[in-house]
Amino acid sequence: MFNPETFIDTVQSGKKQFVNTFVQHDGVKKALNEFVDAQAAYTKAAVKTATEVNAKLITEMTKFDAAKFFKIK
């Protein structure tokens, strides 16, 4: 099954590899890699939150009884 964290890690790993390959200044390299790590943490948290909200919405929607809501007999 699709795992968003694996995809996020893959993309961020590619960014880090690019930085490590093409950025020569150690201070800039360190700052950029820290930024990539911060992006990964934020994106993972956002995906986790969205997944939890969607799961809760689906749970509540399965409990929904349209007949009671619309007063259908």
N, C-alpha and C. Protein backbone atom coordinates (compact mmCIF):
# COMPACT_ATOMS: atom_id res chain seq x y z
N MET A 1 0.84 -1.18 0.00
CA MET A 1 0.00 0.00 0.00
C MET A 1 0.88 1.24 0.00
N PHE A 2 0.32 2.32 -0.48
CA PHE A 2 1.05 3.58 -0.56
C PHE A 2 1.31 4.14 0.83
N ASN A 3 2.56 4.47 1.10
CA ASN A 3 2.93 5.05 2.38
C ASN A 3 3.48 6.45 2.12
N PRO A 4 2.75 7.49 2.53
CA PRO A 4 3.22 8.85 2.24
C PRO A 4 4.55 9.19 2.89
N GLU A 5 4.84 8.61 4.04
CA GLU A 5 6.12 8.91 4.70
C GLU A 5 7.29 8.42 3.86
N THR A 6 7.16 7.28 3.23
CA THR A 6 8.22 6.76 2.38
C THR A 6 8.45 7.70 1.20
N PHE A 7 7.37 8.18 0.61
CA PHE A 7 7.47 9.11 -0.51
C PHE A 7 8.14 10.42 -0.06
N ILE A 8 7.72 10.93 1.09
CA ILE A 8 8.31 12.16 1.63
C ILE A 8 9.80 11.97 1.87
N ASP A 9 10.17 10.85 2.49
CA ASP A 9 11.58 10.57 2.76
C ASP A 9 12.39 10.46 1.46
N THR A 10 11.80 9.88 0.44
CA THR A 10 12.49 9.74 -0.84
C THR A 10 12.76 11.09 -1.47
N VAL A 11 11.75 11.94 -1.48
CA VAL A 11 11.91 13.28 -2.06
C VAL A 11 12.95 14.08 -1.27
N GLN A 12 12.83 14.06 0.05
CA GLN A 12 13.75 14.83 0.88
C GLN A 12 15.17 14.28 0.78
N SER A 13 15.31 12.99 0.64
CA SER A 13 16.64 12.38 0.47
C SER A 13 17.28 12.86 -0.83
N GLY A 14 16.47 12.97 -1.86
CA GLY A 14 16.96 13.50 -3.14
C GLY A 14 17.43 14.94 -3.01
N LYS A 15 16.68 15.73 -2.25
CA LYS A 15 17.09 17.12 -2.03
C LYS A 15 18.42 17.19 -1.28
N LYS A 16 18.56 16.35 -0.26
CA LYS A 16 19.80 16.34 0.51
C LYS A 16 20.98 15.88 -0.35
N GLN A 17 20.75 14.90 -1.19
CA GLN A 17 21.82 14.42 -2.06
C GLN A 17 22.23 15.53 -3.03
N PHE A 18 21.26 16.27 -3.54
CA PHE A 18 21.57 17.40 -4.42
C PHE A 18 22.42 18.43 -3.69
N VAL A 19 22.00 18.79 -2.47
CA VAL A 19 22.74 19.77 -1.68
C VAL A 19 24.16 19.27 -1.41
N ASN A 20 24.28 18.02 -0.98
CA ASN A 20 25.61 17.47 -0.66
C ASN A 20 26.51 17.38 -1.88
N THR A 21 25.92 17.23 -3.06
CA THR A 21 26.71 17.12 -4.28
C THR A 21 27.16 18.48 -4.80
N PHE A 22 26.27 19.46 -4.78
CA PHE A 22 26.54 20.72 -5.48
C PHE A 22 26.89 21.90 -4.59
N VAL A 23 26.60 21.83 -3.30
CA VAL A 23 26.94 22.94 -2.41
C VAL A 23 28.28 22.63 -1.75
N GLN A 24 29.23 23.52 -1.94
CA GLN A 24 30.58 23.29 -1.45
C GLN A 24 30.83 23.88 -0.06
N HIS A 25 30.15 24.94 0.27
CA HIS A 25 30.36 25.62 1.56
C HIS A 25 29.68 24.83 2.67
N ASP A 26 30.45 24.42 3.68
CA ASP A 26 29.91 23.56 4.74
C ASP A 26 28.79 24.24 5.53
N GLY A 27 28.92 25.54 5.80
CA GLY A 27 27.89 26.26 6.55
C GLY A 27 26.58 26.33 5.79
N VAL A 28 26.66 26.62 4.50
CA VAL A 28 25.45 26.68 3.67
C VAL A 28 24.85 25.29 3.52
N LYS A 29 25.71 24.30 3.34
CA LYS A 29 25.25 22.91 3.20
C LYS A 29 24.47 22.48 4.45
N LYS A 30 25.04 22.81 5.62
CA LYS A 30 24.38 22.44 6.88
C LYS A 30 23.03 23.13 7.01
N ALA A 31 22.97 24.43 6.67
CA ALA A 31 21.72 25.18 6.77
C ALA A 31 20.66 24.62 5.82
N LEU A 32 21.05 24.30 4.61
CA LEU A 32 20.10 23.76 3.64
C LEU A 32 19.59 22.38 4.06
N ASN A 33 20.48 21.55 4.58
CA ASN A 33 20.05 20.22 5.04
C ASN A 33 19.12 20.32 6.24
N GLU A 34 19.37 21.28 7.13
CA GLU A 34 18.45 21.50 8.25
C GLU A 34 17.09 21.96 7.75
N PHE A 35 17.09 22.79 6.72
CA PHE A 35 15.83 23.24 6.12
C PHE A 35 15.06 22.08 5.51
N VAL A 36 15.78 21.20 4.83
CA VAL A 36 15.14 20.01 4.25
C VAL A 36 14.56 19.12 5.35
N ASP A 37 15.27 18.97 6.45
CA ASP A 37 14.75 18.19 7.58
C ASP A 37 13.49 18.84 8.16
N ALA A 38 13.49 20.16 8.25
CA ALA A 38 12.31 20.86 8.76
C ALA A 38 11.12 20.69 7.81
N GLN A 39 11.39 20.74 6.52
CA GLN A 39 10.33 20.51 5.53
C GLN A 39 9.74 19.11 5.70
N ALA A 40 10.60 18.13 5.89
CA ALA A 40 10.14 16.74 6.04
C ALA A 40 9.26 16.60 7.28
N ALA A 41 9.70 17.18 8.39
CA ALA A 41 8.93 17.08 9.63
C ALA A 41 7.57 17.75 9.47
N TYR A 42 7.54 18.93 8.86
CA TYR A 42 6.28 19.64 8.66
C TYR A 42 5.35 18.85 7.75
N THR A 43 5.89 18.35 6.66
CA THR A 43 5.06 17.63 5.69
C THR A 43 4.50 16.35 6.30
N LYS A 44 5.31 15.63 7.05
CA LYS A 44 4.83 14.42 7.70
C LYS A 44 3.73 14.73 8.71
N ALA A 45 3.89 15.81 9.47
CA ALA A 45 2.86 16.21 10.44
C ALA A 45 1.57 16.61 9.72
N ALA A 46 1.69 17.33 8.62
CA ALA A 46 0.50 17.74 7.86
C ALA A 46 -0.23 16.54 7.28
N VAL A 47 0.51 15.59 6.75
CA VAL A 47 -0.10 14.38 6.19
C VAL A 47 -0.78 13.57 7.29
N LYS A 48 -0.12 13.45 8.43
CA LYS A 48 -0.70 12.70 9.56
C LYS A 48 -2.00 13.34 10.02
N THR A 49 -2.00 14.66 10.15
CA THR A 49 -3.21 15.36 10.58
C THR A 49 -4.34 15.19 9.57
N ALA A 50 -4.03 15.35 8.30
CA ALA A 50 -5.05 15.19 7.26
C ALA A 50 -5.60 13.78 7.23
N THR A 51 -4.73 12.80 7.43
CA THR A 51 -5.17 11.40 7.45
C THR A 51 -6.11 11.14 8.63
N GLU A 52 -5.76 11.68 9.80
CA GLU A 52 -6.61 11.50 10.98
C GLU A 52 -7.97 12.17 10.80
N VAL A 53 -7.98 13.37 10.24
CA VAL A 53 -9.25 14.08 10.00
C VAL A 53 -10.10 13.30 9.01
N ASN A 54 -9.49 12.83 7.93
CA ASN A 54 -10.24 12.05 6.93
C ASN A 54 -10.81 10.77 7.54
N ALA A 55 -10.03 10.10 8.36
CA ALA A 55 -10.52 8.87 8.99
C ALA A 55 -11.72 9.17 9.89
N LYS A 56 -11.64 10.26 10.64
CA LYS A 56 -12.76 10.64 11.52
C LYS A 56 -13.99 11.00 10.70
N LEU A 57 -13.81 11.74 9.62
CA LEU A 57 -14.94 12.10 8.76
C LEU A 57 -15.59 10.86 8.16
N ILE A 58 -14.78 9.92 7.71
CA ILE A 58 -15.33 8.70 7.13
C ILE A 58 -16.10 7.91 8.19
N THR A 59 -15.56 7.85 9.40
CA THR A 59 -16.24 7.15 10.48
C THR A 59 -17.59 7.79 10.76
N GLU A 60 -17.62 9.10 10.84
CA GLU A 60 -18.86 9.80 11.13
C GLU A 60 -19.85 9.69 9.97
N MET A 61 -19.34 9.71 8.75
CA MET A 61 -20.24 9.60 7.60
C MET A 61 -20.89 8.22 7.51
N THR A 62 -20.19 7.19 7.97
CA THR A 62 -20.80 5.86 7.93
C THR A 62 -21.90 5.72 8.98
N LYS A 63 -21.84 6.56 10.01
CA LYS A 63 -22.89 6.54 11.04
C LYS A 63 -24.10 7.38 10.62
N PHE A 64 -23.94 8.20 9.61
CA PHE A 64 -24.97 9.14 9.18
C PHE A 64 -26.18 8.40 8.64
N ASP A 65 -27.33 8.79 9.12
CA ASP A 65 -28.59 8.19 8.67
C ASP A 65 -29.38 9.26 7.93
N ALA A 66 -29.37 9.19 6.61
CA ALA A 66 -30.03 10.21 5.79
C ALA A 66 -31.53 10.25 6.04
N ALA A 67 -32.12 9.11 6.33
CA ALA A 67 -33.56 9.08 6.56
C ALA A 67 -33.95 9.93 7.76
N LYS A 68 -33.17 9.89 8.83
CA LYS A 68 -33.45 10.73 10.00
C LYS A 68 -33.15 12.18 9.71
N PHE A 69 -32.09 12.44 8.98
CA PHE A 69 -31.70 13.82 8.70
C PHE A 69 -32.72 14.53 7.84
N PHE A 70 -33.22 13.82 6.80
CA PHE A 70 -34.17 14.42 5.88
C PHE A 70 -35.61 14.07 6.22
N LYS A 71 -35.81 13.39 7.33
CA LYS A 71 -37.13 12.97 7.78
C LYS A 71 -37.87 12.18 6.71
N ILE A 72 -37.17 11.22 6.15
CA ILE A 72 -37.76 10.33 5.14
C ILE A 72 -38.44 9.18 5.84
N LYS A 73 -39.62 8.83 5.39
CA LYS A 73 -40.37 7.74 5.99
C LYS A 73 -40.16 6.46 5.28
